[in-house]
Amino acid sequence: MDVKLPVHRHLMMRVHLLYCVWCRRYTVQLQFLRRATRELPPETFAAPLHKLSCEEKEQIRTRLQEELERFKK
């Protein structure tokens, strides 16, 4: 995902993903995390670290559950 693979390596990866359910799931998880972090405002990364509120944790749970449901379809 980070670099463009040579054609033969790309093809090998695609074939592997056809039969490896674990790598497919991992790929979906990585894609979700990439999309989610792209949506964050830039100031998020400059802010000091803090503990998540219950509301924030619930938002994360909800979003992850939505993605899991979307993946199952």
PDB file of N, CA and C in Angstrom:
ATOM      1  N   MET A   1       0.810  -1.208   0.000  1.00  0.00           N
ATOM      2  CA  MET A   1       0.000   0.000   0.000  1.00  0.00           C
ATOM      3  C   MET A   1       0.849   1.265   0.000  1.00  0.00           C
ATOM      4  N   ASP A   2       2.046   1.165   0.550  1.00  0.00           N
ATOM      5  CA  ASP A   2       2.886   2.354   0.664  1.00  0.00           C
ATOM      6  C   ASP A   2       3.670   2.662  -0.604  1.00  0.00           C
ATOM      7  N   VAL A   3       3.976   1.640  -1.366  1.00  0.00           N
ATOM      8  CA  VAL A   3       4.749   1.846  -2.595  1.00  0.00           C
ATOM      9  C   VAL A   3       4.130   1.037  -3.738  1.00  0.00           C
ATOM     10  N   LYS A   4       4.392   1.482  -4.949  1.00  0.00           N
ATOM     11  CA  LYS A   4       3.921   0.760  -6.119  1.00  0.00           C
ATOM     12  C   LYS A   4       4.846  -0.436  -6.331  1.00  0.00           C
ATOM     13  N   LEU A   5       4.240  -1.619  -6.388  1.00  0.00           N
ATOM     14  CA  LEU A   5       5.013  -2.841  -6.561  1.00  0.00           C
ATOM     15  C   LEU A   5       5.266  -3.113  -8.042  1.00  0.00           C
ATOM     16  N   PRO A   6       6.369  -3.809  -8.330  1.00  0.00           N
ATOM     17  CA  PRO A   6       6.559  -4.283  -9.701  1.00  0.00           C
ATOM     18  C   PRO A   6       5.382  -5.197 -10.076  1.00  0.00           C
ATOM     19  N   VAL A   7       5.110  -5.306 -11.332  1.00  0.00           N
ATOM     20  CA  VAL A   7       3.936  -6.046 -11.803  1.00  0.00           C
ATOM     21  C   VAL A   7       3.899  -7.473 -11.254  1.00  0.00           C
ATOM     22  N   HIS A   8       5.006  -8.187 -11.296  1.00  0.00           N
ATOM     23  CA  HIS A   8       4.998  -9.576 -10.836  1.00  0.00           C
ATOM     24  C   HIS A   8       4.720  -9.673  -9.328  1.00  0.00           C
ATOM     25  N   ARG A   9       5.254  -8.743  -8.539  1.00  0.00           N
ATOM     26  CA  ARG A   9       4.989  -8.749  -7.084  1.00  0.00           C
ATOM     27  C   ARG A   9       3.526  -8.392  -6.808  1.00  0.00           C
ATOM     28  N   HIS A  10       3.001  -7.439  -7.561  1.00  0.00           N
ATOM     29  CA  HIS A  10       1.597  -7.046  -7.408  1.00  0.00           C
ATOM     30  C   HIS A  10       0.696  -8.248  -7.707  1.00  0.00           C
ATOM     31  N   LEU A  11       1.004  -8.957  -8.755  1.00  0.00           N
ATOM     32  CA  LEU A  11       0.225 -10.130  -9.129  1.00  0.00           C
ATOM     33  C   LEU A  11       0.312 -11.215  -8.052  1.00  0.00           C
ATOM     34  N   MET A  12       1.504 -11.434  -7.531  1.00  0.00           N
ATOM     35  CA  MET A  12       1.676 -12.419  -6.458  1.00  0.00           C
ATOM     36  C   MET A  12       0.843 -12.038  -5.232  1.00  0.00           C
ATOM     37  N   MET A  13       0.828 -10.753  -4.917  1.00  0.00           N
ATOM     38  CA  MET A  13       0.048 -10.275  -3.770  1.00  0.00           C
ATOM     39  C   MET A  13      -1.443 -10.501  -3.998  1.00  0.00           C
ATOM     40  N   ARG A  14      -1.910 -10.197  -5.190  1.00  0.00           N
ATOM     41  CA  ARG A  14      -3.331 -10.378  -5.504  1.00  0.00           C
ATOM     42  C   ARG A  14      -3.733 -11.858  -5.394  1.00  0.00           C
ATOM     43  N   VAL A  15      -2.900 -12.730  -5.898  1.00  0.00           N
ATOM     44  CA  VAL A  15      -3.181 -14.166  -5.816  1.00  0.00           C
ATOM     45  C   VAL A  15      -3.223 -14.600  -4.353  1.00  0.00           C
ATOM     46  N   HIS A  16      -2.271 -14.136  -3.581  1.00  0.00           N
ATOM     47  CA  HIS A  16      -2.250 -14.485  -2.160  1.00  0.00           C
ATOM     48  C   HIS A  16      -3.540 -14.030  -1.477  1.00  0.00           C
ATOM     49  N   LEU A  17      -3.976 -12.814  -1.774  1.00  0.00           N
ATOM     50  CA  LEU A  17      -5.186 -12.287  -1.139  1.00  0.00           C
ATOM     51  C   LEU A  17      -6.440 -13.052  -1.553  1.00  0.00           C
ATOM     52  N   LEU A  18      -6.396 -13.730  -2.686  1.00  0.00           N
ATOM     53  CA  LEU A  18      -7.545 -14.534  -3.110  1.00  0.00           C
ATOM     54  C   LEU A  18      -7.810 -15.694  -2.155  1.00  0.00           C
ATOM     55  N   TYR A  19      -6.761 -16.253  -1.596  1.00  0.00           N
ATOM     56  CA  TYR A  19      -6.964 -17.423  -0.734  1.00  0.00           C
ATOM     57  C   TYR A  19      -6.684 -17.184   0.747  1.00  0.00           C
ATOM     58  N   CYS A  20      -6.092 -16.071   1.110  1.00  0.00           N
ATOM     59  CA  CYS A  20      -5.753 -15.839   2.522  1.00  0.00           C
ATOM     60  C   CYS A  20      -6.741 -14.856   3.165  1.00  0.00           C
ATOM     61  N   VAL A  21      -7.680 -15.407   3.893  1.00  0.00           N
ATOM     62  CA  VAL A  21      -8.710 -14.581   4.518  1.00  0.00           C
ATOM     63  C   VAL A  21      -8.106 -13.632   5.559  1.00  0.00           C
ATOM     64  N   TRP A  22      -7.061 -14.071   6.237  1.00  0.00           N
ATOM     65  CA  TRP A  22      -6.459 -13.234   7.285  1.00  0.00           C
ATOM     66  C   TRP A  22      -5.800 -11.991   6.691  1.00  0.00           C
ATOM     67  N   CYS A  23      -5.130 -12.161   5.597  1.00  0.00           N
ATOM     68  CA  CYS A  23      -4.489 -10.997   4.957  1.00  0.00           C
ATOM     69  C   CYS A  23      -5.532 -10.066   4.339  1.00  0.00           C
ATOM     70  N   ARG A  24      -6.619 -10.638   3.832  1.00  0.00           N
ATOM     71  CA  ARG A  24      -7.703  -9.785   3.308  1.00  0.00           C
ATOM     72  C   ARG A  24      -8.289  -8.947   4.432  1.00  0.00           C
ATOM     73  N   ARG A  25      -8.525  -9.572   5.574  1.00  0.00           N
ATOM     74  CA  ARG A  25      -9.066  -8.829   6.714  1.00  0.00           C
ATOM     75  C   ARG A  25      -8.102  -7.739   7.165  1.00  0.00           C
ATOM     76  N   TYR A  26      -6.833  -8.090   7.218  1.00  0.00           N
ATOM     77  CA  TYR A  26      -5.813  -7.119   7.625  1.00  0.00           C
ATOM     78  C   TYR A  26      -5.767  -5.949   6.641  1.00  0.00           C
ATOM     79  N   THR A  27      -5.881  -6.250   5.363  1.00  0.00           N
ATOM     80  CA  THR A  27      -5.893  -5.203   4.339  1.00  0.00           C
ATOM     81  C   THR A  27      -7.074  -4.264   4.533  1.00  0.00           C
ATOM     82  N   VAL A  28      -8.234  -4.830   4.806  1.00  0.00           N
ATOM     83  CA  VAL A  28      -9.428  -4.009   5.033  1.00  0.00           C
ATOM     84  C   VAL A  28      -9.237  -3.126   6.267  1.00  0.00           C
ATOM     85  N   GLN A  29      -8.652  -3.681   7.314  1.00  0.00           N
ATOM     86  CA  GLN A  29      -8.406  -2.905   8.530  1.00  0.00           C
ATOM     87  C   GLN A  29      -7.442  -1.750   8.258  1.00  0.00           C
ATOM     88  N   LEU A  30      -6.386  -2.027   7.525  1.00  0.00           N
ATOM     89  CA  LEU A  30      -5.432  -0.967   7.195  1.00  0.00           C
ATOM     90  C   LEU A  30      -6.068   0.128   6.345  1.00  0.00           C
ATOM     91  N   GLN A  31      -6.881  -0.287   5.371  1.00  0.00           N
ATOM     92  CA  GLN A  31      -7.564   0.700   4.536  1.00  0.00           C
ATOM     93  C   GLN A  31      -8.492   1.569   5.372  1.00  0.00           C
ATOM     94  N   PHE A  32      -9.203   0.955   6.307  1.00  0.00           N
ATOM     95  CA  PHE A  32     -10.085   1.715   7.188  1.00  0.00           C
ATOM     96  C   PHE A  32      -9.287   2.737   8.007  1.00  0.00           C
ATOM     97  N   LEU A  33      -8.181   2.294   8.607  1.00  0.00           N
ATOM     98  CA  LEU A  33      -7.370   3.195   9.424  1.00  0.00           C
ATOM     99  C   LEU A  33      -6.791   4.334   8.596  1.00  0.00           C
ATOM    100  N   ARG A  34      -6.383   4.056   7.384  1.00  0.00           N
ATOM    101  CA  ARG A  34      -5.860   5.106   6.509  1.00  0.00           C
ATOM    102  C   ARG A  34      -6.946   6.136   6.195  1.00  0.00           C
ATOM    103  N   ARG A  35      -8.149   5.643   5.843  1.00  0.00           N
ATOM    104  CA  ARG A  35      -9.259   6.558   5.548  1.00  0.00           C
ATOM    105  C   ARG A  35      -9.617   7.393   6.778  1.00  0.00           C
ATOM    106  N   ALA A  36      -9.694   6.732   7.915  1.00  0.00           N
ATOM    107  CA  ALA A  36     -10.090   7.416   9.153  1.00  0.00           C
ATOM    108  C   ALA A  36      -9.087   8.504   9.524  1.00  0.00           C
ATOM    109  N   THR A  37      -7.808   8.229   9.390  1.00  0.00           N
ATOM    110  CA  THR A  37      -6.814   9.242   9.770  1.00  0.00           C
ATOM    111  C   THR A  37      -6.762  10.383   8.762  1.00  0.00           C
ATOM    112  N   ARG A  38      -7.082  10.109   7.497  1.00  0.00           N
ATOM    113  CA  ARG A  38      -7.139  11.194   6.507  1.00  0.00           C
ATOM    114  C   ARG A  38      -8.262  12.174   6.812  1.00  0.00           C
ATOM    115  N   GLU A  39      -9.313  11.705   7.465  1.00  0.00           N
ATOM    116  CA  GLU A  39     -10.466  12.553   7.777  1.00  0.00           C
ATOM    117  C   GLU A  39     -10.236  13.426   9.006  1.00  0.00           C
ATOM    118  N   LEU A  40      -9.206  13.135   9.772  1.00  0.00           N
ATOM    119  CA  LEU A  40      -8.939  13.919  10.979  1.00  0.00           C
ATOM    120  C   LEU A  40      -8.411  15.302  10.615  1.00  0.00           C
ATOM    121  N   PRO A  41      -8.833  16.322  11.358  1.00  0.00           N
ATOM    122  CA  PRO A  41      -8.291  17.658  11.106  1.00  0.00           C
ATOM    123  C   PRO A  41      -6.813  17.717  11.506  1.00  0.00           C
ATOM    124  N   PRO A  42      -6.019  18.525  10.807  1.00  0.00           N
ATOM    125  CA  PRO A  42      -4.578  18.599  11.087  1.00  0.00           C
ATOM    126  C   PRO A  42      -4.256  18.941  12.541  1.00  0.00           C
ATOM    127  N   GLU A  43      -5.083  19.748  13.178  1.00  0.00           N
ATOM    128  CA  GLU A  43      -4.789  20.143  14.563  1.00  0.00           C
ATOM    129  C   GLU A  43      -4.849  18.956  15.528  1.00  0.00           C
ATOM    130  N   THR A  44      -5.475  17.877  15.105  1.00  0.00           N
ATOM    131  CA  THR A  44      -5.530  16.674  15.938  1.00  0.00           C
ATOM    132  C   THR A  44      -4.129  16.167  16.258  1.00  0.00           C
ATOM    133  N   PHE A  45      -3.250  16.252  15.289  1.00  0.00           N
ATOM    134  CA  PHE A  45      -1.905  15.719  15.461  1.00  0.00           C
ATOM    135  C   PHE A  45      -1.011  16.655  16.274  1.00  0.00           C
ATOM    136  N   ALA A  46      -1.392  17.911  16.386  1.00  0.00           N
ATOM    137  CA  ALA A  46      -0.599  18.870  17.146  1.00  0.00           C
ATOM    138  C   ALA A  46      -1.071  18.960  18.599  1.00  0.00           C
ATOM    139  N   ALA A  47      -2.256  18.443  18.859  1.00  0.00           N
ATOM    140  CA  ALA A  47      -2.832  18.550  20.200  1.00  0.00           C
ATOM    141  C   ALA A  47      -2.093  17.638  21.177  1.00  0.00           C
ATOM    142  N   PRO A  48      -1.998  18.056  22.431  1.00  0.00           N
ATOM    143  CA  PRO A  48      -1.372  17.185  23.434  1.00  0.00           C
ATOM    144  C   PRO A  48      -2.234  15.934  23.649  1.00  0.00           C
ATOM    145  N   LEU A  49      -1.595  14.854  24.036  1.00  0.00           N
ATOM    146  CA  LEU A  49      -2.318  13.613  24.262  1.00  0.00           C
ATOM    147  C   LEU A  49      -3.246  13.742  25.467  1.00  0.00           C
ATOM    148  N   HIS A  50      -4.397  13.135  25.370  1.00  0.00           N
ATOM    149  CA  HIS A  50      -5.342  13.125  26.486  1.00  0.00           C
ATOM    150  C   HIS A  50      -6.095  11.803  26.480  1.00  0.00           C
ATOM    151  N   LYS A  51      -6.720  11.499  27.588  1.00  0.00           N
ATOM    152  CA  LYS A  51      -7.520  10.287  27.667  1.00  0.00           C
ATOM    153  C   LYS A  51      -8.837  10.520  26.944  1.00  0.00           C
ATOM    154  N   LEU A  52      -9.337   9.461  26.327  1.00  0.00           N
ATOM    155  CA  LEU A  52     -10.598   9.558  25.603  1.00  0.00           C
ATOM    156  C   LEU A  52     -11.774   9.614  26.576  1.00  0.00           C
ATOM    157  N   SER A  53     -12.729  10.453  26.237  1.00  0.00           N
ATOM    158  CA  SER A  53     -13.947  10.507  27.037  1.00  0.00           C
ATOM    159  C   SER A  53     -14.815   9.303  26.696  1.00  0.00           C
ATOM    160  N   CYS A  54     -15.818   9.054  27.495  1.00  0.00           N
ATOM    161  CA  CYS A  54     -16.739   7.943  27.229  1.00  0.00           C
ATOM    162  C   CYS A  54     -17.435   8.151  25.883  1.00  0.00           C
ATOM    163  N   GLU A  55     -17.768   9.401  25.588  1.00  0.00           N
ATOM    164  CA  GLU A  55     -18.429   9.724  24.318  1.00  0.00           C
ATOM    165  C   GLU A  55     -17.501   9.409  23.135  1.00  0.00           C
ATOM    166  N   GLU A  56     -16.245   9.771  23.247  1.00  0.00           N
ATOM    167  CA  GLU A  56     -15.281   9.500  22.179  1.00  0.00           C
ATOM    168  C   GLU A  56     -15.091   8.000  21.982  1.00  0.00           C
ATOM    169  N   LYS A  57     -15.005   7.274  23.085  1.00  0.00           N
ATOM    170  CA  LYS A  57     -14.863   5.823  22.991  1.00  0.00           C
ATOM    171  C   LYS A  57     -16.077   5.202  22.310  1.00  0.00           C
ATOM    172  N   GLU A  58     -17.243   5.696  22.637  1.00  0.00           N
ATOM    173  CA  GLU A  58     -18.467   5.171  22.029  1.00  0.00           C
ATOM    174  C   GLU A  58     -18.510   5.481  20.529  1.00  0.00           C
ATOM    175  N   GLN A  59     -18.050   6.653  20.145  1.00  0.00           N
ATOM    176  CA  GLN A  59     -17.992   7.004  18.718  1.00  0.00           C
ATOM    177  C   GLN A  59     -17.065   6.042  17.971  1.00  0.00           C
ATOM    178  N   ILE A  60     -15.947   5.714  18.576  1.00  0.00           N
ATOM    179  CA  ILE A  60     -15.002   4.779  17.961  1.00  0.00           C
ATOM    180  C   ILE A  60     -15.635   3.401  17.838  1.00  0.00           C
ATOM    181  N   ARG A  61     -16.276   2.941  18.917  1.00  0.00           N
ATOM    182  CA  ARG A  61     -16.946   1.636  18.882  1.00  0.00           C
ATOM    183  C   ARG A  61     -17.999   1.581  17.768  1.00  0.00           C
ATOM    184  N   THR A  62     -18.788   2.636  17.684  1.00  0.00           N
ATOM    185  CA  THR A  62     -19.845   2.699  16.680  1.00  0.00           C
ATOM    186  C   THR A  62     -19.269   2.652  15.277  1.00  0.00           C
ATOM    187  N   ARG A  63     -18.248   3.443  15.047  1.00  0.00           N
ATOM    188  CA  ARG A  63     -17.622   3.499  13.715  1.00  0.00           C
ATOM    189  C   ARG A  63     -17.001   2.152  13.338  1.00  0.00           C
ATOM    190  N   LEU A  64     -16.332   1.520  14.285  1.00  0.00           N
ATOM    191  CA  LEU A  64     -15.741   0.210  14.015  1.00  0.00           C
ATOM    192  C   LEU A  64     -16.821  -0.832  13.730  1.00  0.00           C
ATOM    193  N   GLN A  65     -17.894  -0.778  14.481  1.00  0.00           N
ATOM    194  CA  GLN A  65     -18.995  -1.716  14.264  1.00  0.00           C
ATOM    195  C   GLN A  65     -19.611  -1.521  12.885  1.00  0.00           C
ATOM    196  N   GLU A  66     -19.771  -0.268  12.469  1.00  0.00           N
ATOM    197  CA  GLU A  66     -20.308   0.020  11.131  1.00  0.00           C
ATOM    198  C   GLU A  66     -19.396  -0.565  10.054  1.00  0.00           C
ATOM    199  N   GLU A  67     -18.107  -0.400  10.236  1.00  0.00           N
ATOM    200  CA  GLU A  67     -17.153  -0.931   9.256  1.00  0.00           C
ATOM    201  C   GLU A  67     -17.174  -2.451   9.239  1.00  0.00           C
ATOM    202  N   LEU A  68     -17.292  -3.070  10.407  1.00  0.00           N
ATOM    203  CA  LEU A  68     -17.372  -4.523  10.461  1.00  0.00           C
ATOM    204  C   LEU A  68     -18.621  -5.024   9.728  1.00  0.00           C
ATOM    205  N   GLU A  69     -19.716  -4.359   9.935  1.00  0.00           N
ATOM    206  CA  GLU A  69     -20.964  -4.735   9.273  1.00  0.00           C
ATOM    207  C   GLU A  69     -20.836  -4.569   7.756  1.00  0.00           C
ATOM    208  N   ARG A  70     -20.196  -3.494   7.349  1.00  0.00           N
ATOM    209  CA  ARG A  70     -20.000  -3.241   5.914  1.00  0.00           C
ATOM    210  C   ARG A  70     -19.110  -4.322   5.312  1.00  0.00           C
ATOM    211  N   PHE A  71     -18.106  -4.744   6.065  1.00  0.00           N
ATOM    212  CA  PHE A  71     -17.174  -5.777   5.587  1.00  0.00           C
ATOM    213  C   PHE A  71     -17.872  -7.128   5.444  1.00  0.00           C
ATOM    214  N   LYS A  72     -18.805  -7.424   6.327  1.00  0.00           N
ATOM    215  CA  LYS A  72     -19.497  -8.718   6.318  1.00  0.00           C
ATOM    216  C   LYS A  72     -20.419  -8.856   5.115  1.00  0.00           C
ATOM    217  N   LYS A  73     -20.861  -7.733   4.540  1.00  0.00           N
ATOM    218  CA  LYS A  73     -21.817  -7.794   3.416  1.00  0.00           C
ATOM    219  C   LYS A  73     -21.176  -8.181   2.128  1.00  0.00           C
TER     220      LYS A  73
END
